[in-house]
Amino acid sequence: MLPQIPTSLIVAGDFNCVQTDSDCTGHRYSSRALERLLHGLQFTDVWDASLNNHAYNHYTPIGAARLDRICATDSIRKHKQGVETLVAAFTDHLAVLLRVQLSIPFTSRGIGRWYLNTSYLDDSKFQDKLEASWKEWRKHVPCFPSRVHWWELYVKRKVKILFTNESTERNADRNRLENVYYSAIYDAIQEPIQHTQKMTTLKMLKAKLIRLNSTHRQKLTLDTGEQDKMIDENPSLHHLIKARKRQASRTIKKISDDQGITSTESFDIMKVFTIHFRKKFSPILMDGQSSSLLMNCELRKIT
């Protein structure tokens, strides 16, 4: 099915086997089918193995092995800038990173979407900061033709700056602690200790990273931490069944729109939500009629 002309291909993944004895310290699990596939497609391992750098990316109580690898054709391998293994907190493997220089058009990303983190409003210290800022913002009301202009042109920008600065301060502390955990993981990998002790240390540090990120993402997900699961314990069938039931109970199976039409299909449900939020956040032009419309909405009066 592959074309006969030269093609640039990359194959990467967790193959659960090794190719040479130097790829593992314990029992060797090889695959003849994988060897025939790589040889037939003229793939080459991008990792330059040496006697002092085996790049093991999976540790068990009985040994270590290089199960994850990236293979590429010569047309890509000759543009290789480097390859390394990186710590990944949410898996028991190390990630393999390949850097390649390619002459393709570069697509730049725009500014990400900002959202107001309402969880900060539960913090009493931030409430005091917001109240003090609000008193300062109200002093600028006479500088605008109306309160609508004051809100649209001044307050919204100040609110965004206030919440953004708060996020930056909180993330700085979390990032410093996260860097400490990653440094400890890299040090543990280089330590000349037994594989059983090394695996235990890596799992403990990765569990700390998971809890750190889980706490940070609780505003986006519900019940991220299982209270009945011990630290460093792998998910059992009991936990998987609970997660499946929790997911099913939170799935929206039907919804009614403004006209009272009930939808049960996934596409129609998403369409109802899209129309609802599009109406909710549609911009209101700042003229006399729109100002009256804004004041007549069921919103709290701006004082």
Protein backbone atom coordinates (compact mmCIF):
# COMPACT_ATOMS: atom_id res chain seq x y z
CA MET A 1 0.00 0.00 0.00
CA LEU A 2 3.02 2.30 0.32
CA PRO A 3 4.10 4.21 -2.81
CA GLN A 4 7.09 3.02 -4.77
CA ILE A 5 8.72 6.46 -4.81
CA PRO A 6 10.92 7.49 -1.84
CA THR A 7 8.75 8.58 1.08
CA SER A 8 9.57 10.26 4.37
CA LEU A 9 8.04 8.24 7.20
CA ILE A 10 8.24 8.16 10.99
CA VAL A 11 7.08 5.31 13.21
CA ALA A 12 6.95 5.91 16.96
CA GLY A 13 5.33 4.30 19.96
CA ASP A 14 5.54 1.82 22.81
CA PHE A 15 6.45 -1.47 21.08
CA ASN A 16 6.68 -3.53 24.33
CA CYS A 17 9.80 -5.26 23.01
CA VAL A 18 13.49 -4.62 22.44
CA GLN A 19 15.73 -5.16 19.43
CA THR A 20 19.12 -5.77 21.04
CA ASP A 21 20.45 -7.06 24.35
CA SER A 22 21.73 -3.58 25.20
CA ASP A 23 18.14 -2.28 25.21
CA CYS A 24 17.30 -4.02 28.51
CA THR A 25 18.87 -5.26 31.70
CA GLY A 26 16.61 -8.24 32.33
CA HIS A 27 14.97 -10.81 30.10
CA ARG A 28 14.87 -9.81 26.43
CA TYR A 29 11.47 -9.67 24.70
CA SER A 30 12.05 -9.33 20.96
CA SER A 31 9.67 -9.29 17.98
CA ARG A 32 10.60 -10.76 14.62
CA ALA A 33 7.58 -9.13 13.00
CA LEU A 34 8.78 -5.70 14.13
CA GLU A 35 12.30 -6.40 12.87
CA ARG A 36 10.97 -7.47 9.45
CA LEU A 37 8.73 -4.39 9.28
CA LEU A 38 11.52 -1.94 10.10
CA HIS A 39 13.96 -3.68 7.77
CA GLY A 40 11.46 -3.90 4.91
CA LEU A 41 10.54 -0.21 5.11
CA GLN A 42 14.20 0.77 5.64
CA PHE A 43 13.58 2.37 9.02
CA THR A 44 16.43 3.28 11.35
CA ASP A 45 16.28 3.93 15.08
CA VAL A 46 16.94 7.63 15.66
CA TRP A 47 18.59 6.95 19.01
CA ASP A 48 22.37 6.56 18.85
CA ALA A 49 22.89 4.00 21.58
CA SER A 50 26.24 3.85 23.32
CA LEU A 51 27.74 1.84 26.15
CA ASN A 52 27.20 4.71 28.60
CA ASN A 53 23.81 5.90 27.41
CA HIS A 54 21.15 3.23 26.90
CA ALA A 55 18.19 5.61 27.29
CA TYR A 56 15.99 3.24 29.28
CA ASN A 57 12.46 4.61 29.39
CA HIS A 58 10.64 1.97 31.45
CA TYR A 59 11.64 0.73 34.91
CA THR A 60 10.27 -2.34 36.70
CA PRO A 61 11.27 -4.15 39.90
CA ILE A 62 13.30 -6.65 37.84
CA GLY A 63 15.05 -4.32 35.42
CA ALA A 64 14.90 -1.51 32.89
CA ALA A 65 14.25 -1.49 29.15
CA ARG A 66 13.98 0.81 26.15
CA LEU A 67 10.47 -0.03 24.98
CA ASP A 68 9.56 3.35 23.49
CA ARG A 69 11.45 4.35 20.37
CA ILE A 70 11.22 6.47 17.25
CA CYS A 71 12.21 5.05 13.87
CA ALA A 72 12.48 7.08 10.66
CA THR A 73 13.64 6.81 7.09
CA ASP A 74 17.03 8.22 6.06
CA SER A 75 15.40 11.25 4.43
CA ILE A 76 14.24 12.39 7.89
CA ARG A 77 17.05 10.97 9.98
CA LYS A 78 19.68 13.04 8.18
CA HIS A 79 17.86 16.21 9.36
CA LYS A 80 17.87 15.10 13.00
CA GLN A 81 18.91 17.82 15.42
CA GLY A 82 18.78 15.70 18.56
CA VAL A 83 16.87 13.07 20.50
CA GLU A 84 16.35 12.74 24.25
CA THR A 85 14.14 11.17 26.90
CA LEU A 86 11.93 13.37 29.06
CA VAL A 87 9.98 12.75 32.24
CA ALA A 88 6.24 12.36 31.75
CA ALA A 89 4.25 12.47 34.98
CA PHE A 90 1.06 10.75 33.82
CA THR A 91 2.63 7.52 32.59
CA ASP A 92 5.10 4.92 33.86
CA HIS A 93 7.29 5.48 30.78
CA LEU A 94 9.69 8.24 29.83
CA ALA A 95 8.79 10.23 26.73
CA VAL A 96 11.11 10.20 23.71
CA LEU A 97 11.56 13.56 22.00
CA LEU A 98 12.96 13.90 18.47
CA ARG A 99 14.01 17.27 17.06
CA VAL A 100 14.05 17.50 13.27
CA GLN A 101 14.77 20.47 11.00
CA LEU A 102 12.31 20.54 8.10
CA SER A 103 11.81 23.08 5.32
CA ILE A 104 8.02 23.41 5.61
CA PRO A 105 5.82 26.48 6.08
CA PHE A 106 5.64 27.57 9.69
CA THR A 107 2.18 28.15 11.15
CA SER A 108 2.14 30.59 14.03
CA ARG A 109 -0.41 30.35 16.82
CA GLY A 110 -2.49 33.28 17.92
CA ILE A 111 -3.22 34.50 21.42
CA GLY A 112 -4.99 31.91 23.56
CA ARG A 113 -8.49 32.48 24.87
CA TRP A 114 -8.71 34.02 28.34
CA TYR A 115 -11.40 33.03 30.82
CA LEU A 116 -12.29 34.43 34.21
CA ASN A 117 -11.36 31.99 36.96
CA THR A 118 -14.29 32.33 39.35
CA SER A 119 -12.62 30.08 41.95
CA TYR A 120 -10.54 33.08 43.05
CA LEU A 121 -13.72 34.70 44.38
CA ASP A 122 -13.80 32.11 47.18
CA ASP A 123 -10.51 33.47 48.55
CA SER A 124 -11.08 36.12 51.22
CA LYS A 125 -7.75 37.84 50.45
CA PHE A 126 -8.62 38.14 46.78
CA GLN A 127 -12.08 39.44 47.71
CA ASP A 128 -10.45 42.27 49.67
CA LYS A 129 -8.17 43.01 46.72
CA LEU A 130 -11.13 43.07 44.34
CA GLU A 131 -13.14 45.35 46.63
CA ALA A 132 -10.26 47.83 46.89
CA SER A 133 -9.80 47.80 43.12
CA TRP A 134 -13.52 48.31 42.57
CA LYS A 135 -13.51 51.45 44.74
CA GLU A 136 -10.61 52.78 42.68
CA TRP A 137 -12.33 51.97 39.38
CA ARG A 138 -15.52 53.80 40.40
CA LYS A 139 -13.56 57.05 40.63
CA HIS A 140 -13.20 57.01 36.82
CA VAL A 141 -16.95 56.95 36.06
CA PRO A 142 -17.07 60.75 35.35
CA CYS A 143 -14.39 60.30 32.69
CA PHE A 144 -16.80 58.41 30.38
CA PRO A 145 -20.03 59.47 28.65
CA SER A 146 -22.05 56.76 30.39
CA ARG A 147 -21.68 53.85 32.75
CA VAL A 148 -21.92 51.50 29.77
CA HIS A 149 -18.84 53.08 28.18
CA TRP A 150 -17.08 53.01 31.55
CA TRP A 151 -17.83 49.28 31.94
CA GLU A 152 -16.98 48.28 28.38
CA LEU A 153 -13.87 50.40 27.84
CA TYR A 154 -12.34 50.52 31.30
CA VAL A 155 -13.64 48.04 33.90
CA LYS A 156 -13.53 44.93 31.72
CA ARG A 157 -9.87 45.53 30.91
CA LYS A 158 -9.03 46.14 34.58
CA VAL A 159 -10.84 42.97 35.65
CA LYS A 160 -8.87 40.92 33.13
CA ILE A 161 -5.58 42.43 34.32
CA LEU A 162 -6.45 41.79 37.98
CA PHE A 163 -7.34 38.12 37.42
CA THR A 164 -4.38 37.56 35.09
CA ASN A 165 -1.92 38.91 37.65
CA GLU A 166 -3.47 36.73 40.34
CA SER A 167 -3.08 33.65 38.11
CA THR A 168 0.54 34.54 37.38
CA GLU A 169 1.39 34.83 41.08
CA ARG A 170 -0.28 31.52 41.95
CA ASN A 171 1.20 29.64 39.00
CA ALA A 172 4.70 30.85 39.86
CA ASP A 173 4.63 28.98 43.17
CA ARG A 174 3.17 25.86 41.54
CA ASN A 175 5.76 25.95 38.73
CA ARG A 176 8.64 26.19 41.20
CA LEU A 177 7.39 23.15 43.11
CA GLU A 178 6.80 21.29 39.85
CA ASN A 179 10.39 21.99 38.74
CA VAL A 180 11.67 20.60 42.04
CA TYR A 181 9.80 17.34 41.46
CA TYR A 182 11.08 17.04 37.88
CA SER A 183 14.67 17.65 39.01
CA ALA A 184 14.29 14.96 41.67
CA ILE A 185 13.02 12.51 39.01
CA TYR A 186 15.99 13.15 36.73
CA ASP A 187 18.37 12.73 39.68
CA ALA A 188 16.69 9.45 40.62
CA ILE A 189 17.15 8.12 37.07
CA GLN A 190 20.89 8.82 37.22
CA GLU A 191 21.36 7.32 40.68
CA PRO A 192 23.22 3.95 40.66
CA ILE A 193 20.64 2.15 42.81
CA GLN A 194 18.68 -1.07 42.45
CA HIS A 195 15.84 -1.12 39.96
CA THR A 196 13.27 -1.90 42.66
CA GLN A 197 14.23 1.16 44.67
CA LYS A 198 14.48 3.31 41.54
CA MET A 199 11.02 2.30 40.35
CA THR A 200 9.50 3.03 43.79
CA THR A 201 11.15 6.46 43.89
CA LEU A 202 9.97 7.35 40.39
CA LYS A 203 6.39 6.31 41.14
CA MET A 204 6.36 8.32 44.37
CA LEU A 205 7.64 11.49 42.66
CA LYS A 206 5.26 11.08 39.72
CA ALA A 207 2.37 10.68 42.16
CA LYS A 208 3.34 14.01 43.72
CA LEU A 209 3.29 15.63 40.27
CA ILE A 210 -0.11 14.13 39.51
CA ARG A 211 -1.59 15.40 42.78
CA LEU A 212 -0.07 18.85 42.18
CA ASN A 213 -1.60 19.12 38.69
CA SER A 214 -4.83 17.48 39.81
CA THR A 215 -5.37 20.17 42.46
CA HIS A 216 -4.61 22.86 39.89
CA ARG A 217 -7.13 21.44 37.40
CA GLN A 218 -9.98 20.81 39.84
CA LYS A 219 -11.71 23.95 38.55
CA LEU A 220 -11.99 22.21 35.17
CA THR A 221 -12.81 18.65 36.24
CA LEU A 222 -14.89 17.13 39.00
CA ASP A 223 -13.76 14.48 41.49
CA THR A 224 -10.24 14.23 40.08
CA GLY A 225 -8.96 12.59 43.24
CA GLU A 226 -10.26 9.26 44.50
CA GLN A 227 -10.56 9.39 48.29
CA ASP A 228 -10.64 5.61 48.60
CA LYS A 229 -7.41 5.08 46.67
CA MET A 230 -4.12 5.06 48.55
CA ILE A 231 -1.07 7.02 47.44
CA ASP A 232 0.92 5.30 44.66
CA GLU A 233 -1.85 2.72 44.22
CA ASN A 234 -2.60 1.77 40.62
CA PRO A 235 -6.27 2.05 39.52
CA SER A 236 -8.10 -1.22 40.00
CA LEU A 237 -11.23 -2.55 38.31
CA HIS A 238 -13.24 -1.00 41.14
CA HIS A 239 -11.91 2.47 40.35
CA LEU A 240 -12.43 2.01 36.61
CA ILE A 241 -16.07 0.98 37.13
CA LYS A 242 -16.64 3.98 39.39
CA ALA A 243 -15.13 6.30 36.79
CA ARG A 244 -17.31 4.81 34.04
CA LYS A 245 -20.49 5.18 36.13
CA ARG A 246 -19.56 8.74 37.08
CA GLN A 247 -18.98 9.61 33.42
CA ALA A 248 -22.33 8.09 32.41
CA SER A 249 -24.20 10.00 35.13
CA ARG A 250 -22.75 13.30 33.91
CA THR A 251 -23.52 12.75 30.23
CA ILE A 252 -26.27 14.97 28.83
CA LYS A 253 -28.64 12.69 26.93
CA LYS A 254 -31.40 15.17 26.04
CA ILE A 255 -31.98 18.91 26.12
CA SER A 256 -34.74 21.37 25.21
CA ASP A 257 -34.10 24.65 23.37
CA ASP A 258 -35.94 27.98 23.64
CA GLN A 259 -38.77 26.72 21.42
CA GLY A 260 -39.30 23.67 23.61
CA ILE A 261 -37.90 21.24 21.02
CA THR A 262 -36.19 18.27 22.70
CA SER A 263 -32.96 16.95 21.16
CA THR A 264 -31.37 13.59 21.95
CA GLU A 265 -28.59 13.28 19.36
CA SER A 266 -25.06 14.41 20.31
CA PHE A 267 -24.80 16.77 17.33
CA ASP A 268 -28.16 18.40 18.09
CA ILE A 269 -27.28 18.79 21.79
CA MET A 270 -24.02 20.54 20.91
CA LYS A 271 -25.91 22.74 18.44
CA VAL A 272 -28.36 23.84 21.17
CA PHE A 273 -25.48 24.77 23.48
CA THR A 274 -23.70 26.63 20.66
CA ILE A 275 -26.77 28.71 19.84
CA HIS A 276 -27.39 29.43 23.54
CA PHE A 277 -23.86 30.69 24.25
CA ARG A 278 -23.74 32.59 20.95
CA LYS A 279 -26.83 34.54 21.99
CA LYS A 280 -25.58 34.97 25.55
CA PHE A 281 -22.20 36.42 24.61
CA SER A 282 -23.14 38.26 21.41
CA PRO A 283 -21.79 41.85 21.44
CA ILE A 284 -24.18 44.74 22.09
CA LEU A 285 -23.50 47.91 20.15
CA MET A 286 -23.12 50.95 22.39
CA ASP A 287 -25.90 53.27 21.24
CA GLY A 288 -28.98 54.67 22.94
CA GLN A 289 -31.23 51.75 22.08
CA SER A 290 -28.66 49.17 23.13
CA SER A 291 -28.05 50.98 26.43
CA SER A 292 -31.76 50.78 27.22
CA LEU A 293 -31.77 47.12 26.26
CA LEU A 294 -28.84 46.44 28.58
CA MET A 295 -30.50 48.19 31.52
CA ASN A 296 -33.71 46.22 30.99
CA CYS A 297 -31.88 42.89 31.19
CA GLU A 298 -32.10 40.82 34.35
CA LEU A 299 -28.70 42.00 35.51
CA ARG A 300 -27.75 43.67 38.75
CA LYS A 301 -27.69 47.44 38.46
CA ILE A 302 -24.19 48.91 38.28
CA THR A 303 -23.56 51.28 41.16
